[in-house]
Amino acid sequence: MRVNCVGAIILDGSGRLLLVRRGRPPGAGLWSIPGGRVESGESDPEAVVREVLEETGLTVVPGRLAGTVDRPGPGGAVYEIRDYLAEVSGGTLAAGDDAADARWFTREELSRLPLTPGLLDALVEWAVIAPGVSAVGPP
């Protein structure tokens, strides 16, 4: 079974990346970009806006598709995640929904974080993050 999901790649004016720490499985305790499942009848841009608001308190304007990844899920499911660039248009940063924390990180700080598997590689491949930043594996 394939599960449609979206993620939002959001950089601020200083080039810092917005990440959320997952509060629930899959990936509880790991840092990732905000995102989640696309609900029935929802477009990808609508899902990006909803997920970012729920997890971070920020409103965004979705941009172009940065890339797509498949990640294994429970019970043999496959999460098909389409990650979009997005820009903040309002709101106040505060973790919500299934996010235990939400913060901005510099490229250098990413190397010290427990990131979801494959996130950093994908961001480098899609030219969002400069090569040379290495990631810390799951705890």
N, C-alpha and C. Protein backbone atom coordinates (compact mmCIF):
# COMPACT_ATOMS: atom_id res chain seq x y z
N MET A 1 0.84 -1.18 0.00
CA MET A 1 0.00 0.00 0.00
C MET A 1 0.89 1.24 0.00
N ARG A 2 0.57 2.19 -0.87
CA ARG A 2 1.31 3.45 -0.94
C ARG A 2 0.50 4.54 -0.24
N VAL A 3 1.19 5.36 0.55
CA VAL A 3 0.56 6.44 1.30
C VAL A 3 1.13 7.76 0.78
N ASN A 4 0.26 8.63 0.25
CA ASN A 4 0.69 9.92 -0.27
C ASN A 4 0.98 10.88 0.87
N CYS A 5 2.19 11.46 0.85
CA CYS A 5 2.62 12.40 1.88
C CYS A 5 3.31 13.59 1.22
N VAL A 6 3.40 14.69 1.97
CA VAL A 6 4.13 15.87 1.51
C VAL A 6 5.04 16.36 2.64
N GLY A 7 6.04 17.11 2.25
CA GLY A 7 6.92 17.77 3.20
C GLY A 7 7.19 19.17 2.70
N ALA A 8 7.61 20.05 3.63
CA ALA A 8 7.89 21.44 3.28
C ALA A 8 9.34 21.77 3.63
N ILE A 9 10.09 22.19 2.63
CA ILE A 9 11.46 22.63 2.82
C ILE A 9 11.41 24.15 2.91
N ILE A 10 11.68 24.66 4.11
CA ILE A 10 11.51 26.08 4.38
C ILE A 10 12.83 26.65 4.89
N LEU A 11 13.36 27.62 4.16
CA LEU A 11 14.57 28.33 4.56
C LEU A 11 14.20 29.76 4.92
N ASP A 12 14.83 30.30 5.98
CA ASP A 12 14.58 31.69 6.31
C ASP A 12 15.56 32.59 5.57
N GLY A 13 15.50 33.88 5.81
CA GLY A 13 16.35 34.85 5.11
C GLY A 13 17.82 34.66 5.38
N SER A 14 18.17 33.96 6.45
CA SER A 14 19.57 33.69 6.78
C SER A 14 20.02 32.33 6.26
N GLY A 15 19.15 31.61 5.56
CA GLY A 15 19.50 30.30 5.02
C GLY A 15 19.34 29.17 6.01
N ARG A 16 18.70 29.45 7.17
CA ARG A 16 18.46 28.37 8.14
C ARG A 16 17.25 27.55 7.70
N LEU A 17 17.30 26.25 8.01
CA LEU A 17 16.26 25.30 7.63
C LEU A 17 15.32 25.05 8.80
N LEU A 18 14.03 25.07 8.55
CA LEU A 18 13.04 24.79 9.59
C LEU A 18 12.87 23.28 9.72
N LEU A 19 13.06 22.77 10.93
CA LEU A 19 12.88 21.35 11.21
C LEU A 19 11.97 21.17 12.41
N VAL A 20 11.29 20.02 12.43
CA VAL A 20 10.47 19.64 13.59
C VAL A 20 11.02 18.33 14.13
N ARG A 21 10.94 18.19 15.46
CA ARG A 21 11.32 16.92 16.08
C ARG A 21 10.06 16.10 16.22
N ARG A 22 10.06 14.93 15.64
CA ARG A 22 8.88 14.07 15.65
C ARG A 22 8.55 13.61 17.06
N GLY A 23 7.29 13.78 17.43
CA GLY A 23 6.84 13.39 18.76
C GLY A 23 6.25 11.99 18.81
N ARG A 24 5.97 11.42 17.63
CA ARG A 24 5.36 10.09 17.55
C ARG A 24 6.00 9.29 16.43
N PRO A 25 5.85 7.96 16.50
CA PRO A 25 6.35 7.12 15.40
C PRO A 25 5.60 7.43 14.10
N PRO A 26 6.16 7.20 12.97
CA PRO A 26 7.55 6.77 12.80
C PRO A 26 8.51 7.95 13.01
N GLY A 27 9.67 7.66 13.47
CA GLY A 27 10.70 8.69 13.61
C GLY A 27 10.62 9.51 14.88
N ALA A 28 9.94 9.02 15.91
CA ALA A 28 9.84 9.78 17.16
C ALA A 28 11.23 10.15 17.66
N GLY A 29 11.43 11.42 18.01
CA GLY A 29 12.70 11.92 18.52
C GLY A 29 13.66 12.39 17.45
N LEU A 30 13.38 12.08 16.19
CA LEU A 30 14.26 12.50 15.10
C LEU A 30 13.77 13.83 14.51
N TRP A 31 14.71 14.59 13.99
CA TRP A 31 14.39 15.87 13.35
C TRP A 31 14.13 15.65 11.87
N SER A 32 13.14 16.35 11.34
CA SER A 32 12.78 16.26 9.94
C SER A 32 12.12 17.55 9.49
N ILE A 33 11.85 17.65 8.21
CA ILE A 33 11.10 18.80 7.73
C ILE A 33 9.62 18.57 8.08
N PRO A 34 8.85 19.65 8.26
CA PRO A 34 7.43 19.48 8.56
C PRO A 34 6.71 18.81 7.40
N GLY A 35 5.72 17.98 7.73
CA GLY A 35 4.95 17.32 6.69
C GLY A 35 4.14 16.17 7.23
N GLY A 36 3.42 15.52 6.33
CA GLY A 36 2.60 14.39 6.73
C GLY A 36 1.73 13.92 5.58
N ARG A 37 0.71 13.16 5.93
CA ARG A 37 -0.18 12.56 4.93
C ARG A 37 -1.06 13.59 4.22
N VAL A 38 -1.30 13.31 2.94
CA VAL A 38 -2.25 14.08 2.16
C VAL A 38 -3.62 13.49 2.44
N GLU A 39 -4.56 14.33 2.88
CA GLU A 39 -5.91 13.85 3.18
C GLU A 39 -6.72 13.70 1.91
N SER A 40 -7.76 12.86 1.97
CA SER A 40 -8.62 12.60 0.83
C SER A 40 -9.20 13.92 0.28
N GLY A 41 -9.06 14.10 -1.04
CA GLY A 41 -9.60 15.28 -1.70
C GLY A 41 -8.71 16.51 -1.59
N GLU A 42 -7.58 16.38 -0.96
CA GLU A 42 -6.67 17.50 -0.74
C GLU A 42 -5.57 17.49 -1.81
N SER A 43 -5.22 18.66 -2.30
CA SER A 43 -4.09 18.77 -3.24
C SER A 43 -2.79 18.80 -2.43
N ASP A 44 -1.68 18.56 -3.11
CA ASP A 44 -0.39 18.64 -2.42
C ASP A 44 -0.17 20.02 -1.80
N PRO A 45 -0.38 21.12 -2.54
CA PRO A 45 -0.17 22.44 -1.93
C PRO A 45 -1.06 22.66 -0.69
N GLU A 46 -2.30 22.21 -0.75
CA GLU A 46 -3.19 22.35 0.41
C GLU A 46 -2.65 21.54 1.60
N ALA A 47 -2.15 20.35 1.34
CA ALA A 47 -1.60 19.52 2.40
C ALA A 47 -0.35 20.15 3.00
N VAL A 48 0.50 20.75 2.17
CA VAL A 48 1.70 21.43 2.67
C VAL A 48 1.30 22.55 3.62
N VAL A 49 0.36 23.38 3.21
CA VAL A 49 -0.09 24.51 4.04
C VAL A 49 -0.65 24.00 5.37
N ARG A 50 -1.51 22.99 5.32
CA ARG A 50 -2.14 22.45 6.53
C ARG A 50 -1.12 21.82 7.46
N GLU A 51 -0.25 20.97 6.93
CA GLU A 51 0.73 20.28 7.76
C GLU A 51 1.69 21.26 8.44
N VAL A 52 2.18 22.25 7.70
CA VAL A 52 3.10 23.22 8.29
C VAL A 52 2.41 24.01 9.40
N LEU A 53 1.18 24.43 9.16
CA LEU A 53 0.45 25.17 10.18
C LEU A 53 0.23 24.32 11.43
N GLU A 54 -0.18 23.06 11.23
CA GLU A 54 -0.43 22.17 12.38
C GLU A 54 0.84 21.90 13.19
N GLU A 55 1.96 21.71 12.50
CA GLU A 55 3.19 21.31 13.19
C GLU A 55 4.04 22.47 13.69
N THR A 56 3.89 23.66 13.07
CA THR A 56 4.80 24.76 13.42
C THR A 56 4.10 26.07 13.78
N GLY A 57 2.81 26.21 13.51
CA GLY A 57 2.12 27.47 13.75
C GLY A 57 2.37 28.51 12.67
N LEU A 58 3.12 28.16 11.63
CA LEU A 58 3.44 29.09 10.55
C LEU A 58 2.55 28.86 9.34
N THR A 59 2.21 29.94 8.65
CA THR A 59 1.52 29.82 7.36
C THR A 59 2.59 29.95 6.28
N VAL A 60 2.41 29.17 5.21
CA VAL A 60 3.40 29.17 4.14
C VAL A 60 2.72 29.26 2.78
N VAL A 61 3.53 29.66 1.81
CA VAL A 61 3.14 29.63 0.40
C VAL A 61 4.00 28.55 -0.25
N PRO A 62 3.37 27.44 -0.68
CA PRO A 62 4.14 26.36 -1.31
C PRO A 62 4.70 26.79 -2.66
N GLY A 63 5.89 26.29 -2.97
CA GLY A 63 6.53 26.56 -4.25
C GLY A 63 6.67 25.28 -5.05
N ARG A 64 7.78 25.18 -5.75
CA ARG A 64 8.00 24.06 -6.66
C ARG A 64 8.35 22.78 -5.90
N LEU A 65 8.11 21.66 -6.56
CA LEU A 65 8.50 20.36 -6.04
C LEU A 65 10.02 20.27 -6.05
N ALA A 66 10.61 19.96 -4.89
CA ALA A 66 12.07 19.81 -4.80
C ALA A 66 12.47 18.39 -5.16
N GLY A 67 11.67 17.40 -4.74
CA GLY A 67 11.99 16.01 -5.01
C GLY A 67 11.03 15.07 -4.32
N THR A 68 11.15 13.80 -4.63
CA THR A 68 10.27 12.77 -4.08
C THR A 68 11.12 11.62 -3.55
N VAL A 69 10.70 11.09 -2.39
CA VAL A 69 11.36 9.92 -1.81
C VAL A 69 10.31 8.92 -1.37
N ASP A 70 10.69 7.66 -1.35
CA ASP A 70 9.86 6.60 -0.78
C ASP A 70 10.50 6.15 0.52
N ARG A 71 9.71 6.01 1.56
CA ARG A 71 10.20 5.55 2.86
C ARG A 71 9.31 4.41 3.34
N PRO A 72 9.91 3.38 3.95
CA PRO A 72 9.10 2.26 4.46
C PRO A 72 8.24 2.70 5.63
N GLY A 73 7.03 2.15 5.68
CA GLY A 73 6.11 2.41 6.78
C GLY A 73 5.72 1.12 7.45
N PRO A 74 4.89 1.21 8.48
CA PRO A 74 4.47 0.00 9.20
C PRO A 74 3.60 -0.90 8.32
N GLY A 75 3.67 -2.20 8.58
CA GLY A 75 2.83 -3.16 7.88
C GLY A 75 3.09 -3.26 6.40
N GLY A 76 4.30 -2.93 5.97
CA GLY A 76 4.63 -3.02 4.55
C GLY A 76 4.20 -1.83 3.72
N ALA A 77 3.62 -0.81 4.35
CA ALA A 77 3.22 0.40 3.63
C ALA A 77 4.46 1.14 3.15
N VAL A 78 4.30 1.91 2.09
CA VAL A 78 5.37 2.77 1.59
C VAL A 78 4.85 4.19 1.57
N TYR A 79 5.58 5.07 2.28
CA TYR A 79 5.24 6.49 2.26
C TYR A 79 5.90 7.12 1.04
N GLU A 80 5.09 7.61 0.11
CA GLU A 80 5.60 8.37 -1.03
C GLU A 80 5.55 9.83 -0.63
N ILE A 81 6.73 10.42 -0.39
CA ILE A 81 6.80 11.78 0.15
C ILE A 81 7.29 12.73 -0.94
N ARG A 82 6.45 13.70 -1.26
CA ARG A 82 6.80 14.75 -2.21
C ARG A 82 7.13 16.00 -1.41
N ASP A 83 8.39 16.43 -1.49
CA ASP A 83 8.86 17.58 -0.72
C ASP A 83 8.88 18.82 -1.59
N TYR A 84 8.24 19.88 -1.08
CA TYR A 84 8.10 21.14 -1.79
C TYR A 84 8.87 22.24 -1.08
N LEU A 85 9.44 23.15 -1.86
CA LEU A 85 9.98 24.36 -1.29
C LEU A 85 8.79 25.21 -0.85
N ALA A 86 8.96 25.97 0.23
CA ALA A 86 7.87 26.83 0.72
C ALA A 86 8.46 28.05 1.41
N GLU A 87 7.69 29.13 1.42
CA GLU A 87 8.10 30.37 2.08
C GLU A 87 7.09 30.73 3.16
N VAL A 88 7.61 31.20 4.29
CA VAL A 88 6.74 31.61 5.40
C VAL A 88 6.03 32.90 5.01
N SER A 89 4.72 32.94 5.25
CA SER A 89 3.94 34.15 4.98
C SER A 89 3.32 34.73 6.24
N GLY A 90 3.43 34.02 7.37
CA GLY A 90 2.87 34.55 8.62
C GLY A 90 2.92 33.53 9.73
N GLY A 91 2.36 33.89 10.88
CA GLY A 91 2.29 32.99 12.02
C GLY A 91 3.46 33.18 12.97
N THR A 92 3.41 32.42 14.06
CA THR A 92 4.46 32.43 15.08
C THR A 92 4.92 31.00 15.30
N LEU A 93 6.23 30.78 15.25
CA LEU A 93 6.77 29.44 15.37
C LEU A 93 6.47 28.84 16.74
N ALA A 94 5.78 27.70 16.74
CA ALA A 94 5.46 26.95 17.96
C ALA A 94 5.14 25.52 17.55
N ALA A 95 5.79 24.56 18.21
CA ALA A 95 5.54 23.15 17.88
C ALA A 95 4.10 22.78 18.22
N GLY A 96 3.49 21.98 17.35
CA GLY A 96 2.13 21.54 17.57
C GLY A 96 1.88 20.20 16.91
N ASP A 97 0.66 19.68 17.06
CA ASP A 97 0.25 18.40 16.50
C ASP A 97 1.22 17.32 16.94
N ASP A 98 1.84 16.59 16.00
CA ASP A 98 2.75 15.51 16.39
C ASP A 98 4.20 15.96 16.47
N ALA A 99 4.47 17.26 16.42
CA ALA A 99 5.83 17.78 16.55
C ALA A 99 6.12 18.08 18.02
N ALA A 100 7.22 17.51 18.53
CA ALA A 100 7.63 17.76 19.91
C ALA A 100 8.39 19.07 20.05
N ASP A 101 8.96 19.56 18.93
CA ASP A 101 9.73 20.80 18.93
C ASP A 101 9.80 21.29 17.49
N ALA A 102 10.04 22.57 17.31
CA ALA A 102 10.20 23.16 15.98
C ALA A 102 11.22 24.28 16.11
N ARG A 103 12.24 24.24 15.26
CA ARG A 103 13.31 25.24 15.33
C ARG A 103 13.97 25.45 13.97
N TRP A 104 14.66 26.58 13.86
CA TRP A 104 15.48 26.89 12.69
C TRP A 104 16.90 26.43 12.97
N PHE A 105 17.55 25.82 11.96
CA PHE A 105 18.91 25.33 12.11
C PHE A 105 19.78 25.79 10.95
N THR A 106 21.03 26.14 11.28
CA THR A 106 22.01 26.45 10.24
C THR A 106 22.47 25.15 9.60
N ARG A 107 23.10 25.26 8.47
CA ARG A 107 23.62 24.07 7.80
C ARG A 107 24.64 23.35 8.69
N GLU A 108 25.44 24.10 9.40
CA GLU A 108 26.45 23.49 10.28
C GLU A 108 25.78 22.74 11.43
N GLU A 109 24.69 23.26 11.97
CA GLU A 109 24.00 22.61 13.08
C GLU A 109 23.37 21.28 12.68
N LEU A 110 23.04 21.14 11.41
CA LEU A 110 22.42 19.89 10.94
C LEU A 110 23.31 18.68 11.21
N SER A 111 24.62 18.87 11.18
CA SER A 111 25.53 17.75 11.37
C SER A 111 25.50 17.20 12.79
N ARG A 112 24.95 17.96 13.74
CA ARG A 112 24.89 17.51 15.14
C ARG A 112 23.51 16.98 15.54
N LEU A 113 22.59 16.92 14.60
CA LEU A 113 21.21 16.51 14.92
C LEU A 113 20.95 15.06 14.52
N PRO A 114 20.12 14.36 15.29
CA PRO A 114 19.63 13.06 14.83
C PRO A 114 18.50 13.30 13.82
N LEU A 115 18.84 13.19 12.55
CA LEU A 115 17.89 13.45 11.47
C LEU A 115 17.21 12.16 11.01
N THR A 116 16.03 12.30 10.42
CA THR A 116 15.38 11.13 9.84
C THR A 116 16.28 10.57 8.74
N PRO A 117 16.34 9.24 8.61
CA PRO A 117 17.24 8.63 7.63
C PRO A 117 16.98 9.15 6.21
N GLY A 118 18.06 9.51 5.54
CA GLY A 118 17.99 9.94 4.15
C GLY A 118 17.67 11.40 3.94
N LEU A 119 17.29 12.13 5.00
CA LEU A 119 16.89 13.53 4.82
C LEU A 119 18.04 14.37 4.27
N LEU A 120 19.18 14.31 4.93
CA LEU A 120 20.30 15.15 4.51
C LEU A 120 20.76 14.80 3.10
N ASP A 121 20.81 13.52 2.78
CA ASP A 121 21.21 13.10 1.43
C ASP A 121 20.26 13.67 0.38
N ALA A 122 18.97 13.62 0.66
CA ALA A 122 17.98 14.14 -0.28
C ALA A 122 18.14 15.65 -0.45
N LEU A 123 18.34 16.38 0.64
CA LEU A 123 18.49 17.84 0.56
C LEU A 123 19.74 18.23 -0.21
N VAL A 124 20.80 17.45 -0.07
CA VAL A 124 22.02 17.70 -0.85
C VAL A 124 21.78 17.37 -2.31
N GLU A 125 21.16 16.22 -2.58
CA GLU A 125 20.88 15.81 -3.96
C GLU A 125 20.01 16.84 -4.69
N TRP A 126 19.06 17.43 -3.96
CA TRP A 126 18.15 18.42 -4.57
C TRP A 126 18.72 19.84 -4.54
N ALA A 127 20.00 19.99 -4.12
CA ALA A 127 20.70 21.27 -4.08
C ALA A 127 20.06 22.27 -3.12
N VAL A 128 19.44 21.77 -2.04
CA VAL A 128 18.90 22.64 -1.01
C VAL A 128 19.97 22.93 0.04
N ILE A 129 20.79 21.93 0.33
CA ILE A 129 21.88 22.03 1.30
C ILE A 129 23.19 21.76 0.56
N ALA A 130 24.20 22.55 0.89
CA ALA A 130 25.51 22.37 0.26
C ALA A 130 26.11 21.03 0.66
N PRO A 131 26.82 20.36 -0.25
CA PRO A 131 27.51 19.11 0.10
C PRO A 131 28.56 19.37 1.18
N GLY A 132 28.90 18.28 1.88
CA GLY A 132 29.95 18.39 2.88
C GLY A 132 29.44 18.43 4.30
N VAL A 133 28.14 18.58 4.50
CA VAL A 133 27.57 18.54 5.84
C VAL A 133 27.19 17.10 6.10
N SER A 134 27.77 16.50 7.14
CA SER A 134 27.44 15.10 7.43
C SER A 134 26.41 15.03 8.54
N ALA A 135 25.63 13.99 8.54
CA ALA A 135 24.54 13.84 9.51
C ALA A 135 24.91 12.86 10.61
N VAL A 136 24.28 13.04 11.75
CA VAL A 136 24.38 12.10 12.86
C VAL A 136 23.26 11.10 12.67
N GLY A 137 23.52 9.83 12.88
CA GLY A 137 22.49 8.81 12.71
C GLY A 137 21.50 8.82 13.84
N PRO A 138 20.46 8.00 13.76
CA PRO A 138 19.46 7.92 14.82
C PRO A 138 20.12 7.55 16.15
N PRO A 139 19.51 8.01 17.26
CA PRO A 139 20.10 7.74 18.56
C PRO A 139 20.11 6.27 18.91
